[in-house]
Amino acid sequence: MRLRTRTLGSLSLFLILIVICFFGLSRISYATEQVSIPTAELPLVVTPCGQSPGALMIDVLCKRIKLPCSRVDMLTAEDLKSKADQGKGYKTLIIITGTSLKGMGAAGVDIDVELSRIKAIIQEAKKENILIIGAHIEGMARRVDEMDAASIDTVIPESDVIIVRADSNEDGYFTKLSKEHSIPLLTAQETLDVSSLLKELFHIEEGGSAS
């Protein structure tokens, strides 16, 4: 009787372990299921939606990893079309979200002009099959007012990939947008860490160059 009880106990434990493993593997499967991250290609151009210094930051980070990048702060849809017509069209576009009153003042534009410019760029980029990366890399300092919100909401839902600095997403706002629009979200702890994400997107190996 004691042997039978021990055998039944062992069998029950075995069955419990199988159930735990099954549900554990199921959780792992659902947890790792995500939208695939597309490969970015050259040529690359970056522009801000709101004339913040973020575009300059991307330009500097690209130089650090030897990734060719054109920074055009007042890029237009006509610029994209002209490049494509010349057979030199851009393959990847990074749009920096978040606004700077100082930057817009220096450029002689306001938020309405910026949003119109960016909407036209996005429309043309989609026509040209250009990969759009929406980036918010300057932290919560670029999420303080309605202009910042307008910049973000104009760009991020239309992006193919989202890059965000972790402290910009403490409230989960970019995570929510990512899930709502099925857009892969890449997070950098600090602005400098964005270079690692660019390496991943452009498949740059150490000491190498973009494919």
N, C-alpha and C. Protein backbone atom coordinates (compact mmCIF):
# COMPACT_ATOMS: atom_id res chain seq x y z
N MET A 1 0.83 -1.20 0.00
CA MET A 1 0.00 0.00 0.00
C MET A 1 0.87 1.26 0.00
N ARG A 2 1.93 1.23 0.86
CA ARG A 2 2.82 2.38 0.91
C ARG A 2 3.52 2.59 -0.42
N LEU A 3 3.93 1.47 -1.08
CA LEU A 3 4.61 1.55 -2.37
C LEU A 3 3.66 2.11 -3.42
N ARG A 4 2.39 1.64 -3.36
CA ARG A 4 1.39 2.12 -4.32
C ARG A 4 1.16 3.62 -4.15
N THR A 5 1.05 4.05 -2.90
CA THR A 5 0.85 5.47 -2.61
C THR A 5 2.01 6.31 -3.12
N ARG A 6 3.25 5.78 -2.91
CA ARG A 6 4.43 6.50 -3.37
C ARG A 6 4.45 6.58 -4.90
N THR A 7 4.03 5.49 -5.56
CA THR A 7 3.99 5.46 -7.02
C THR A 7 2.99 6.47 -7.56
N LEU A 8 1.79 6.48 -6.92
CA LEU A 8 0.78 7.45 -7.35
C LEU A 8 1.24 8.88 -7.13
N GLY A 9 1.95 9.09 -6.01
CA GLY A 9 2.48 10.42 -5.72
C GLY A 9 3.49 10.85 -6.76
N SER A 10 4.35 9.93 -7.15
CA SER A 10 5.36 10.22 -8.16
C SER A 10 4.71 10.53 -9.50
N LEU A 11 3.68 9.73 -9.83
CA LEU A 11 2.97 9.93 -11.09
C LEU A 11 2.27 11.28 -11.10
N SER A 12 1.64 11.62 -9.97
CA SER A 12 0.96 12.92 -9.87
C SER A 12 1.96 14.07 -10.04
N LEU A 13 3.12 13.94 -9.39
CA LEU A 13 4.16 14.97 -9.50
C LEU A 13 4.63 15.11 -10.94
N PHE A 14 4.76 13.95 -11.62
CA PHE A 14 5.20 13.96 -13.02
C PHE A 14 4.18 14.69 -13.89
N LEU A 15 2.89 14.38 -13.66
CA LEU A 15 1.84 15.01 -14.45
C LEU A 15 1.79 16.52 -14.19
N ILE A 16 1.98 16.91 -12.92
CA ILE A 16 2.00 18.34 -12.58
C ILE A 16 3.15 19.05 -13.29
N LEU A 17 4.31 18.40 -13.32
CA LEU A 17 5.47 18.99 -14.00
C LEU A 17 5.21 19.17 -15.48
N ILE A 18 4.51 18.18 -16.09
CA ILE A 18 4.19 18.29 -17.51
C ILE A 18 3.28 19.49 -17.76
N VAL A 19 2.24 19.63 -16.88
CA VAL A 19 1.32 20.76 -17.03
C VAL A 19 2.04 22.09 -16.87
N ILE A 20 2.93 22.17 -15.85
CA ILE A 20 3.69 23.41 -15.62
C ILE A 20 4.55 23.74 -16.82
N CYS A 21 5.23 22.72 -17.35
CA CYS A 21 6.10 22.94 -18.51
C CYS A 21 5.29 23.39 -19.72
N PHE A 22 4.11 22.76 -19.90
CA PHE A 22 3.28 23.10 -21.04
C PHE A 22 2.86 24.57 -21.00
N PHE A 23 2.31 24.97 -19.83
CA PHE A 23 1.86 26.36 -19.72
C PHE A 23 3.03 27.33 -19.69
N GLY A 24 4.15 26.88 -19.15
CA GLY A 24 5.34 27.73 -19.15
C GLY A 24 5.82 28.00 -20.56
N LEU A 25 5.84 26.95 -21.39
CA LEU A 25 6.26 27.11 -22.77
C LEU A 25 5.27 27.97 -23.54
N SER A 26 3.96 27.84 -23.19
CA SER A 26 2.96 28.65 -23.86
C SER A 26 3.18 30.13 -23.56
N ARG A 27 3.46 30.43 -22.28
CA ARG A 27 3.71 31.83 -21.91
C ARG A 27 4.92 32.37 -22.64
N ILE A 28 5.97 31.56 -22.75
CA ILE A 28 7.17 31.99 -23.46
C ILE A 28 6.85 32.25 -24.91
N SER A 29 6.04 31.42 -25.53
CA SER A 29 5.69 31.57 -26.94
C SER A 29 4.95 32.89 -27.17
N TYR A 30 3.94 33.17 -26.32
CA TYR A 30 3.19 34.41 -26.49
C TYR A 30 4.04 35.62 -26.14
N ALA A 31 4.92 35.49 -25.16
CA ALA A 31 5.74 36.62 -24.72
C ALA A 31 6.74 37.02 -25.78
N THR A 32 7.23 36.05 -26.55
CA THR A 32 8.26 36.35 -27.54
C THR A 32 7.67 36.67 -28.91
N GLU A 33 6.34 36.52 -29.04
CA GLU A 33 5.71 36.84 -30.31
C GLU A 33 5.66 38.35 -30.49
N GLN A 34 6.23 38.87 -31.58
CA GLN A 34 6.25 40.30 -31.80
C GLN A 34 6.29 40.62 -33.27
N VAL A 35 6.04 41.88 -33.60
CA VAL A 35 6.12 42.32 -34.99
C VAL A 35 7.57 42.27 -35.43
N SER A 36 7.81 41.72 -36.61
CA SER A 36 9.19 41.60 -37.08
C SER A 36 9.78 42.97 -37.36
N ILE A 37 11.08 43.09 -37.11
CA ILE A 37 11.78 44.36 -37.30
C ILE A 37 12.36 44.39 -38.72
N PRO A 38 11.97 45.35 -39.54
CA PRO A 38 12.48 45.41 -40.91
C PRO A 38 13.95 45.82 -40.95
N THR A 39 14.60 45.50 -42.04
CA THR A 39 15.99 45.90 -42.24
C THR A 39 16.03 47.27 -42.91
N ALA A 40 16.78 48.18 -42.34
CA ALA A 40 16.94 49.51 -42.92
C ALA A 40 18.07 49.48 -43.95
N GLU A 41 17.92 50.29 -44.99
CA GLU A 41 18.93 50.34 -46.06
C GLU A 41 19.34 51.78 -46.34
N LEU A 42 20.50 51.92 -46.93
CA LEU A 42 20.99 53.23 -47.38
C LEU A 42 20.46 53.51 -48.78
N PRO A 43 20.37 54.77 -49.17
CA PRO A 43 20.72 56.00 -48.45
C PRO A 43 19.74 56.35 -47.34
N LEU A 44 20.28 57.05 -46.32
CA LEU A 44 19.52 57.45 -45.14
C LEU A 44 19.45 58.97 -45.05
N VAL A 45 18.27 59.47 -44.71
CA VAL A 45 18.12 60.90 -44.47
C VAL A 45 17.36 61.08 -43.16
N VAL A 46 17.71 62.14 -42.41
CA VAL A 46 17.05 62.43 -41.14
C VAL A 46 16.58 63.87 -41.13
N THR A 47 15.38 64.09 -40.58
CA THR A 47 14.82 65.43 -40.48
C THR A 47 14.01 65.52 -39.19
N PRO A 48 13.92 66.70 -38.59
CA PRO A 48 13.11 66.85 -37.36
C PRO A 48 11.69 67.29 -37.67
N CYS A 49 10.75 66.88 -36.83
CA CYS A 49 9.39 67.42 -36.88
C CYS A 49 9.25 68.35 -35.69
N GLY A 50 9.70 69.60 -35.87
CA GLY A 50 9.68 70.55 -34.77
C GLY A 50 11.01 71.22 -34.54
N GLN A 51 12.00 70.93 -35.41
CA GLN A 51 13.30 71.59 -35.39
C GLN A 51 14.04 71.48 -34.06
N SER A 52 13.92 70.34 -33.41
CA SER A 52 14.69 70.08 -32.19
C SER A 52 16.09 69.61 -32.58
N PRO A 53 17.04 69.58 -31.62
CA PRO A 53 18.41 69.14 -31.94
C PRO A 53 18.54 67.64 -32.18
N GLY A 54 17.44 66.90 -32.08
CA GLY A 54 17.51 65.45 -32.22
C GLY A 54 18.07 64.98 -33.55
N ALA A 55 17.78 65.71 -34.62
CA ALA A 55 18.30 65.32 -35.94
C ALA A 55 19.82 65.45 -35.96
N LEU A 56 20.34 66.50 -35.34
CA LEU A 56 21.78 66.67 -35.24
C LEU A 56 22.38 65.53 -34.42
N MET A 57 21.70 65.14 -33.36
CA MET A 57 22.19 64.03 -32.52
C MET A 57 22.30 62.74 -33.34
N ILE A 58 21.28 62.46 -34.15
CA ILE A 58 21.32 61.27 -35.00
C ILE A 58 22.49 61.35 -35.98
N ASP A 59 22.69 62.53 -36.55
CA ASP A 59 23.80 62.73 -37.48
C ASP A 59 25.13 62.41 -36.81
N VAL A 60 25.32 62.89 -35.59
CA VAL A 60 26.56 62.64 -34.83
C VAL A 60 26.72 61.16 -34.52
N LEU A 61 25.63 60.52 -34.09
CA LEU A 61 25.69 59.09 -33.77
C LEU A 61 26.00 58.25 -35.00
N CYS A 62 25.45 58.65 -36.13
CA CYS A 62 25.75 57.93 -37.38
C CYS A 62 27.24 58.03 -37.73
N LYS A 63 27.81 59.19 -37.52
CA LYS A 63 29.23 59.36 -37.79
C LYS A 63 30.06 58.45 -36.88
N ARG A 64 29.62 58.27 -35.64
CA ARG A 64 30.34 57.43 -34.68
C ARG A 64 30.41 55.97 -35.15
N ILE A 65 29.37 55.52 -35.83
CA ILE A 65 29.35 54.12 -36.28
C ILE A 65 29.59 54.00 -37.78
N LYS A 66 30.05 55.11 -38.38
CA LYS A 66 30.38 55.15 -39.81
C LYS A 66 29.19 54.77 -40.69
N LEU A 67 28.02 55.29 -40.31
CA LEU A 67 26.81 55.07 -41.08
C LEU A 67 26.51 56.35 -41.87
N PRO A 68 26.60 56.32 -43.19
CA PRO A 68 26.34 57.51 -43.99
C PRO A 68 24.92 58.04 -43.75
N CYS A 69 24.83 59.34 -43.50
CA CYS A 69 23.53 59.93 -43.17
C CYS A 69 23.47 61.37 -43.68
N SER A 70 22.37 61.70 -44.31
CA SER A 70 22.16 63.09 -44.73
C SER A 70 21.17 63.73 -43.75
N ARG A 71 21.58 64.85 -43.13
CA ARG A 71 20.67 65.59 -42.25
C ARG A 71 20.14 66.80 -43.01
N VAL A 72 18.82 66.83 -43.20
CA VAL A 72 18.19 67.94 -43.91
C VAL A 72 17.06 68.44 -43.03
N ASP A 73 17.32 69.51 -42.28
CA ASP A 73 16.37 69.99 -41.29
C ASP A 73 15.05 70.45 -41.90
N MET A 74 15.10 70.98 -43.13
CA MET A 74 13.88 71.42 -43.80
C MET A 74 13.59 70.56 -45.03
N LEU A 75 13.77 69.29 -44.88
CA LEU A 75 13.50 68.34 -45.96
C LEU A 75 12.04 68.49 -46.43
N THR A 76 11.83 68.36 -47.74
CA THR A 76 10.48 68.47 -48.29
C THR A 76 10.13 67.21 -49.08
N ALA A 77 8.85 67.07 -49.35
CA ALA A 77 8.40 65.95 -50.19
C ALA A 77 9.01 66.06 -51.58
N GLU A 78 9.17 67.28 -52.05
CA GLU A 78 9.78 67.49 -53.37
C GLU A 78 11.22 67.01 -53.39
N ASP A 79 11.93 67.17 -52.27
CA ASP A 79 13.31 66.67 -52.18
C ASP A 79 13.33 65.15 -52.36
N LEU A 80 12.41 64.45 -51.70
CA LEU A 80 12.35 62.99 -51.81
C LEU A 80 12.05 62.58 -53.25
N LYS A 81 11.09 63.24 -53.86
CA LYS A 81 10.71 62.91 -55.23
C LYS A 81 11.85 63.18 -56.20
N SER A 82 12.52 64.32 -56.01
CA SER A 82 13.64 64.67 -56.90
C SER A 82 14.74 63.62 -56.83
N LYS A 83 15.08 63.19 -55.62
CA LYS A 83 16.11 62.16 -55.45
C LYS A 83 15.70 60.87 -56.15
N ALA A 84 14.43 60.49 -56.00
CA ALA A 84 13.94 59.26 -56.63
C ALA A 84 13.98 59.38 -58.15
N ASP A 85 13.61 60.54 -58.66
CA ASP A 85 13.61 60.76 -60.12
C ASP A 85 15.02 60.67 -60.70
N GLN A 86 16.01 61.01 -59.87
CA GLN A 86 17.41 60.95 -60.30
C GLN A 86 18.01 59.54 -60.16
N GLY A 87 17.21 58.63 -59.64
CA GLY A 87 17.71 57.28 -59.41
C GLY A 87 18.58 57.18 -58.17
N LYS A 88 18.48 58.19 -57.30
CA LYS A 88 19.29 58.22 -56.07
C LYS A 88 18.39 58.32 -54.83
N GLY A 89 17.22 57.73 -54.94
CA GLY A 89 16.22 57.88 -53.89
C GLY A 89 16.67 57.34 -52.54
N TYR A 90 16.20 57.99 -51.49
CA TYR A 90 16.47 57.51 -50.13
C TYR A 90 15.72 56.20 -49.89
N LYS A 91 16.33 55.33 -49.10
CA LYS A 91 15.70 54.06 -48.73
C LYS A 91 15.16 54.11 -47.30
N THR A 92 15.76 54.98 -46.48
CA THR A 92 15.34 55.07 -45.08
C THR A 92 15.24 56.54 -44.67
N LEU A 93 14.16 56.85 -43.94
CA LEU A 93 13.92 58.20 -43.44
C LEU A 93 13.71 58.14 -41.93
N ILE A 94 14.51 58.89 -41.18
CA ILE A 94 14.31 59.03 -39.74
C ILE A 94 13.69 60.40 -39.47
N ILE A 95 12.56 60.40 -38.80
CA ILE A 95 11.91 61.67 -38.42
C ILE A 95 11.95 61.79 -36.90
N ILE A 96 12.58 62.86 -36.43
CA ILE A 96 12.71 63.10 -34.99
C ILE A 96 11.49 63.84 -34.49
N THR A 97 10.86 63.33 -33.44
CA THR A 97 9.68 63.98 -32.87
C THR A 97 10.06 64.79 -31.64
N GLY A 98 9.20 65.76 -31.31
CA GLY A 98 9.49 66.70 -30.23
C GLY A 98 9.86 68.04 -30.82
N THR A 99 9.42 69.12 -30.20
CA THR A 99 9.59 70.45 -30.79
C THR A 99 10.50 71.35 -29.98
N SER A 100 11.05 72.34 -30.67
CA SER A 100 11.89 73.35 -30.04
C SER A 100 11.46 74.72 -30.54
N LEU A 101 10.97 75.56 -29.65
CA LEU A 101 10.57 76.91 -30.05
C LEU A 101 11.76 77.68 -30.62
N LYS A 102 12.92 77.50 -29.98
CA LYS A 102 14.13 78.17 -30.44
C LYS A 102 14.49 77.70 -31.84
N GLY A 103 14.42 76.40 -32.05
CA GLY A 103 14.76 75.84 -33.37
C GLY A 103 13.80 76.29 -34.45
N MET A 104 12.51 76.27 -34.13
CA MET A 104 11.53 76.70 -35.12
C MET A 104 11.66 78.19 -35.40
N GLY A 105 11.96 78.97 -34.35
CA GLY A 105 12.15 80.40 -34.55
C GLY A 105 13.32 80.69 -35.47
N ALA A 106 14.42 79.95 -35.26
CA ALA A 106 15.61 80.15 -36.10
C ALA A 106 15.34 79.75 -37.55
N ALA A 107 14.47 78.74 -37.73
CA ALA A 107 14.16 78.27 -39.09
C ALA A 107 13.05 79.10 -39.73
N GLY A 108 12.42 79.97 -38.94
CA GLY A 108 11.35 80.82 -39.47
C GLY A 108 10.06 80.05 -39.75
N VAL A 109 9.78 79.04 -38.93
CA VAL A 109 8.57 78.24 -39.12
C VAL A 109 7.84 78.12 -37.79
N ASP A 110 6.56 77.70 -37.86
CA ASP A 110 5.82 77.39 -36.64
C ASP A 110 5.37 75.94 -36.71
N ILE A 111 4.65 75.48 -35.69
CA ILE A 111 4.30 74.07 -35.62
C ILE A 111 3.37 73.67 -36.77
N ASP A 112 2.50 74.56 -37.20
CA ASP A 112 1.59 74.23 -38.31
C ASP A 112 2.35 73.99 -39.60
N VAL A 113 3.35 74.83 -39.85
CA VAL A 113 4.19 74.66 -41.05
C VAL A 113 4.94 73.33 -40.96
N GLU A 114 5.48 73.04 -39.78
CA GLU A 114 6.23 71.80 -39.60
C GLU A 114 5.35 70.56 -39.81
N LEU A 115 4.16 70.58 -39.25
CA LEU A 115 3.28 69.42 -39.39
C LEU A 115 2.87 69.22 -40.84
N SER A 116 2.61 70.30 -41.55
CA SER A 116 2.26 70.20 -42.97
C SER A 116 3.41 69.63 -43.79
N ARG A 117 4.62 70.11 -43.48
CA ARG A 117 5.81 69.61 -44.18
C ARG A 117 6.01 68.12 -43.94
N ILE A 118 5.87 67.71 -42.70
CA ILE A 118 6.11 66.31 -42.35
C ILE A 118 5.02 65.40 -42.92
N LYS A 119 3.78 65.83 -42.88
CA LYS A 119 2.70 65.02 -43.46
C LYS A 119 2.93 64.78 -44.95
N ALA A 120 3.39 65.82 -45.64
CA ALA A 120 3.68 65.68 -47.07
C ALA A 120 4.86 64.74 -47.30
N ILE A 121 5.87 64.85 -46.44
CA ILE A 121 7.04 63.96 -46.53
C ILE A 121 6.62 62.50 -46.32
N ILE A 122 5.82 62.26 -45.31
CA ILE A 122 5.38 60.89 -45.02
C ILE A 122 4.59 60.32 -46.20
N GLN A 123 3.72 61.13 -46.76
CA GLN A 123 2.93 60.69 -47.91
C GLN A 123 3.83 60.31 -49.08
N GLU A 124 4.82 61.16 -49.37
CA GLU A 124 5.74 60.88 -50.47
C GLU A 124 6.62 59.67 -50.16
N ALA A 125 7.07 59.56 -48.91
CA ALA A 125 7.92 58.44 -48.52
C ALA A 125 7.20 57.11 -48.72
N LYS A 126 5.93 57.07 -48.41
CA LYS A 126 5.15 55.85 -48.61
C LYS A 126 5.02 55.53 -50.10
N LYS A 127 4.87 56.57 -50.93
CA LYS A 127 4.82 56.35 -52.38
C LYS A 127 6.12 55.74 -52.89
N GLU A 128 7.24 56.19 -52.31
CA GLU A 128 8.56 55.75 -52.75
C GLU A 128 9.03 54.49 -52.02
N ASN A 129 8.17 53.92 -51.18
CA ASN A 129 8.53 52.72 -50.39
C ASN A 129 9.77 52.95 -49.52
N ILE A 130 9.85 54.15 -48.94
CA ILE A 130 10.95 54.48 -48.03
C ILE A 130 10.58 54.02 -46.62
N LEU A 131 11.50 53.34 -45.96
CA LEU A 131 11.29 52.92 -44.58
C LEU A 131 11.28 54.15 -43.67
N ILE A 132 10.23 54.30 -42.87
CA ILE A 132 10.10 55.46 -41.99
C ILE A 132 10.36 55.03 -40.55
N ILE A 133 11.34 55.67 -39.93
CA ILE A 133 11.66 55.44 -38.52
C ILE A 133 11.25 56.68 -37.74
N GLY A 134 10.28 56.54 -36.86
CA GLY A 134 9.88 57.64 -35.99
C GLY A 134 10.68 57.55 -34.69
N ALA A 135 11.36 58.63 -34.32
CA ALA A 135 12.26 58.58 -33.16
C ALA A 135 11.96 59.69 -32.17
N HIS A 136 11.97 59.33 -30.89
CA HIS A 136 11.85 60.31 -29.81
C HIS A 136 13.01 60.04 -28.85
N ILE A 137 14.09 60.81 -29.01
CA ILE A 137 15.36 60.45 -28.35
C ILE A 137 15.89 61.52 -27.40
N GLU A 138 15.05 62.52 -27.10
CA GLU A 138 15.52 63.60 -26.24
C GLU A 138 14.83 63.63 -24.88
N GLY A 139 14.15 62.54 -24.53
CA GLY A 139 13.56 62.44 -23.21
C GLY A 139 12.28 63.24 -23.03
N MET A 140 11.82 63.31 -21.78
CA MET A 140 10.55 63.96 -21.47
C MET A 140 10.57 65.47 -21.70
N ALA A 141 11.76 66.03 -21.88
CA ALA A 141 11.84 67.46 -22.19
C ALA A 141 11.15 67.78 -23.51
N ARG A 142 10.94 66.77 -24.35
CA ARG A 142 10.25 66.94 -25.63
C ARG A 142 8.84 66.36 -25.59
N ARG A 143 8.31 66.25 -24.36
CA ARG A 143 6.91 65.81 -24.20
C ARG A 143 6.24 66.68 -23.14
N VAL A 144 6.28 67.98 -23.34
CA VAL A 144 5.80 68.88 -22.29
C VAL A 144 4.57 69.70 -22.69
N ASP A 145 4.23 69.73 -23.99
CA ASP A 145 3.11 70.59 -24.38
C ASP A 145 2.39 70.01 -25.59
N GLU A 146 1.39 70.74 -26.06
CA GLU A 146 0.56 70.29 -27.18
C GLU A 146 1.35 70.20 -28.48
N MET A 147 2.36 71.05 -28.64
CA MET A 147 3.16 70.99 -29.86
C MET A 147 3.97 69.70 -29.91
N ASP A 148 4.56 69.32 -28.78
CA ASP A 148 5.28 68.04 -28.73
C ASP A 148 4.33 66.89 -29.06
N ALA A 149 3.14 66.93 -28.46
CA ALA A 149 2.16 65.87 -28.69
C ALA A 149 1.76 65.80 -30.15
N ALA A 150 1.58 66.97 -30.78
CA ALA A 150 1.20 67.00 -32.20
C ALA A 150 2.30 66.42 -33.07
N SER A 151 3.55 66.74 -32.74
CA SER A 151 4.70 66.20 -33.48
C SER A 151 4.73 64.67 -33.38
N ILE A 152 4.58 64.16 -32.17
CA ILE A 152 4.62 62.72 -31.94
C ILE A 152 3.47 62.02 -32.66
N ASP A 153 2.26 62.55 -32.49
CA ASP A 153 1.08 61.90 -33.04
C ASP A 153 1.01 61.98 -34.57
N THR A 154 1.72 62.92 -35.15
CA THR A 154 1.78 63.02 -36.61
C THR A 154 2.73 61.97 -37.19
N VAL A 155 3.80 61.68 -36.47
CA VAL A 155 4.86 60.82 -37.01
C VAL A 155 4.73 59.36 -36.60
N ILE A 156 4.60 59.11 -35.32
CA ILE A 156 4.72 57.74 -34.81
C ILE A 156 3.72 56.76 -35.41
N PRO A 157 2.43 57.06 -35.48
CA PRO A 157 1.50 56.09 -36.05
C PRO A 157 1.76 55.75 -37.51
N GLU A 158 2.48 56.63 -38.22
CA GLU A 158 2.77 56.41 -39.64
C GLU A 158 4.13 55.74 -39.87
N SER A 159 4.83 55.43 -38.79
CA SER A 159 6.19 54.89 -38.89
C SER A 159 6.18 53.39 -39.10
N ASP A 160 7.29 52.89 -39.64
CA ASP A 160 7.50 51.44 -39.78
C ASP A 160 8.25 50.88 -38.59
N VAL A 161 9.02 51.73 -37.93
CA VAL A 161 9.77 51.37 -36.73
C VAL A 161 9.74 52.57 -35.79
N ILE A 162 9.68 52.30 -34.48
CA ILE A 162 9.76 53.37 -33.48
C ILE A 162 11.04 53.20 -32.67
N ILE A 163 11.78 54.29 -32.51
CA ILE A 163 12.92 54.32 -31.60
C ILE A 163 12.61 55.33 -30.51
N VAL A 164 12.76 54.92 -29.26
CA VAL A 164 12.43 55.83 -28.17
C VAL A 164 13.45 55.68 -27.05
N ARG A 165 13.76 56.80 -26.40
CA ARG A 165 14.59 56.75 -25.20
C ARG A 165 13.71 56.33 -24.03
N ALA A 166 14.25 55.48 -23.17
CA ALA A 166 13.44 54.84 -22.13
C ALA A 166 12.67 55.84 -21.28
N ASP A 167 13.31 56.96 -20.89
CA ASP A 167 12.62 57.90 -20.01
C ASP A 167 11.50 58.66 -20.72
N SER A 168 11.48 58.60 -22.05
CA SER A 168 10.37 59.21 -22.79
C SER A 168 9.12 58.34 -22.72
N ASN A 169 9.30 57.10 -22.31
CA ASN A 169 8.22 56.11 -22.36
C ASN A 169 7.88 55.57 -20.97
N GLU A 170 8.18 56.35 -19.93
CA GLU A 170 7.92 55.87 -18.57
C GLU A 170 6.43 55.64 -18.31
N ASP A 171 5.58 56.38 -19.01
CA ASP A 171 4.14 56.19 -18.85
C ASP A 171 3.57 55.18 -19.84
N GLY A 172 4.45 54.57 -20.65
CA GLY A 172 4.01 53.55 -21.60
C GLY A 172 3.31 54.08 -22.83
N TYR A 173 3.42 55.40 -23.07
CA TYR A 173 2.69 56.00 -24.20
C TYR A 173 3.15 55.42 -25.54
N PHE A 174 4.45 55.29 -25.74
CA PHE A 174 4.95 54.76 -27.00
C PHE A 174 4.68 53.27 -27.13
N THR A 175 4.68 52.58 -26.01
CA THR A 175 4.32 51.16 -26.02
C THR A 175 2.88 51.00 -26.50
N LYS A 176 2.00 51.86 -26.00
CA LYS A 176 0.59 51.83 -26.42
C LYS A 176 0.46 52.08 -27.91
N LEU A 177 1.16 53.09 -28.43
CA LEU A 177 1.10 53.38 -29.87
C LEU A 177 1.65 52.22 -30.68
N SER A 178 2.73 51.63 -30.19
CA SER A 178 3.34 50.48 -30.87
C SER A 178 2.34 49.33 -31.00
N LYS A 179 1.63 49.03 -29.93
CA LYS A 179 0.67 47.93 -29.94
C LYS A 179 -0.55 48.26 -30.79
N GLU A 180 -1.03 49.49 -30.68
CA GLU A 180 -2.23 49.89 -31.42
C GLU A 180 -2.01 49.82 -32.93
N HIS A 181 -0.81 50.18 -33.36
CA HIS A 181 -0.53 50.26 -34.80
C HIS A 181 0.37 49.13 -35.30
N SER A 182 0.68 48.16 -34.44
CA SER A 182 1.52 47.00 -34.81
C SER A 182 2.86 47.45 -35.40
N ILE A 183 3.51 48.36 -34.68
CA ILE A 183 4.81 48.88 -35.11
C ILE A 183 5.87 48.42 -34.13
N PRO A 184 6.97 47.82 -34.61
CA PRO A 184 8.03 47.41 -33.67
C PRO A 184 8.63 48.60 -32.94
N LEU A 185 8.85 48.42 -31.63
CA LEU A 185 9.38 49.48 -30.77
C LEU A 185 10.76 49.09 -30.27
N LEU A 186 11.75 49.94 -30.52
CA LEU A 186 13.10 49.72 -30.03
C LEU A 186 13.41 50.79 -28.99
N THR A 187 13.95 50.37 -27.85
CA THR A 187 14.19 51.29 -26.74
C THR A 187 15.66 51.42 -26.42
N ALA A 188 16.12 52.65 -26.24
CA ALA A 188 17.49 52.94 -25.83
C ALA A 188 17.46 53.55 -24.44
N GLN A 189 18.35 53.13 -23.56
CA GLN A 189 18.39 53.70 -22.22
C GLN A 189 18.83 55.15 -22.25
N GLU A 190 19.81 55.46 -23.07
CA GLU A 190 20.32 56.82 -23.22
C GLU A 190 20.40 57.16 -24.71
N THR A 191 20.49 58.44 -25.02
CA THR A 191 20.57 58.85 -26.43
C THR A 191 21.77 58.19 -27.12
N LEU A 192 22.90 58.09 -26.44
CA LEU A 192 24.08 57.47 -27.04
C LEU A 192 23.82 56.03 -27.45
N ASP A 193 22.91 55.36 -26.73
CA ASP A 193 22.62 53.96 -27.02
C ASP A 193 21.83 53.78 -28.32
N VAL A 194 21.32 54.87 -28.87
CA VAL A 194 20.60 54.78 -30.13
C VAL A 194 21.51 54.25 -31.24
N SER A 195 22.80 54.51 -31.12
CA SER A 195 23.74 54.02 -32.14
C SER A 195 23.69 52.49 -32.23
N SER A 196 23.50 51.82 -31.10
CA SER A 196 23.41 50.36 -31.11
C SER A 196 22.15 49.90 -31.85
N LEU A 197 21.06 50.65 -31.67
CA LEU A 197 19.82 50.31 -32.37
C LEU A 197 19.97 50.53 -33.88
N LEU A 198 20.68 51.58 -34.25
CA LEU A 198 20.93 51.83 -35.68
C LEU A 198 21.79 50.71 -36.27
N LYS A 199 22.76 50.24 -35.51
CA LYS A 199 23.58 49.11 -35.97
C LYS A 199 22.70 47.89 -36.23
N GLU A 200 21.75 47.67 -35.32
CA GLU A 200 20.85 46.52 -35.47
C GLU A 200 19.97 46.68 -36.71
N LEU A 201 19.42 47.86 -36.90
CA LEU A 201 18.53 48.09 -38.02
C LEU A 201 19.24 48.00 -39.37
N PHE A 202 20.47 48.52 -39.41
CA PHE A 202 21.22 48.53 -40.67
C PHE A 202 22.17 47.34 -40.79
N HIS A 203 22.09 46.41 -39.84
CA HIS A 203 22.93 45.20 -39.84
C HIS A 203 24.42 45.54 -39.97
N ILE A 204 24.86 46.44 -39.10
CA ILE A 204 26.25 46.84 -39.09
C ILE A 204 27.00 46.00 -38.05
N GLU A 205 28.04 45.30 -38.50
CA GLU A 205 28.86 44.54 -37.58
C GLU A 205 29.98 45.43 -37.07
N GLU A 206 30.59 45.02 -35.96
CA GLU A 206 31.69 45.80 -35.38
C GLU A 206 32.79 45.99 -36.41
N GLY A 207 33.18 47.24 -36.60
CA GLY A 207 34.24 47.54 -37.55
C GLY A 207 33.80 47.50 -38.99
N GLY A 208 32.50 47.24 -39.22
CA GLY A 208 32.01 47.13 -40.58
C GLY A 208 31.21 48.34 -41.00
N SER A 209 30.44 48.17 -42.04
CA SER A 209 29.60 49.25 -42.55
C SER A 209 28.22 48.69 -42.87
N ALA A 210 27.29 49.59 -43.13
CA ALA A 210 25.91 49.16 -43.40
C ALA A 210 25.83 48.39 -44.69
N SER A 211 24.91 47.41 -44.70
CA SER A 211 24.73 46.61 -45.90
C SER A 211 23.90 47.36 -46.94
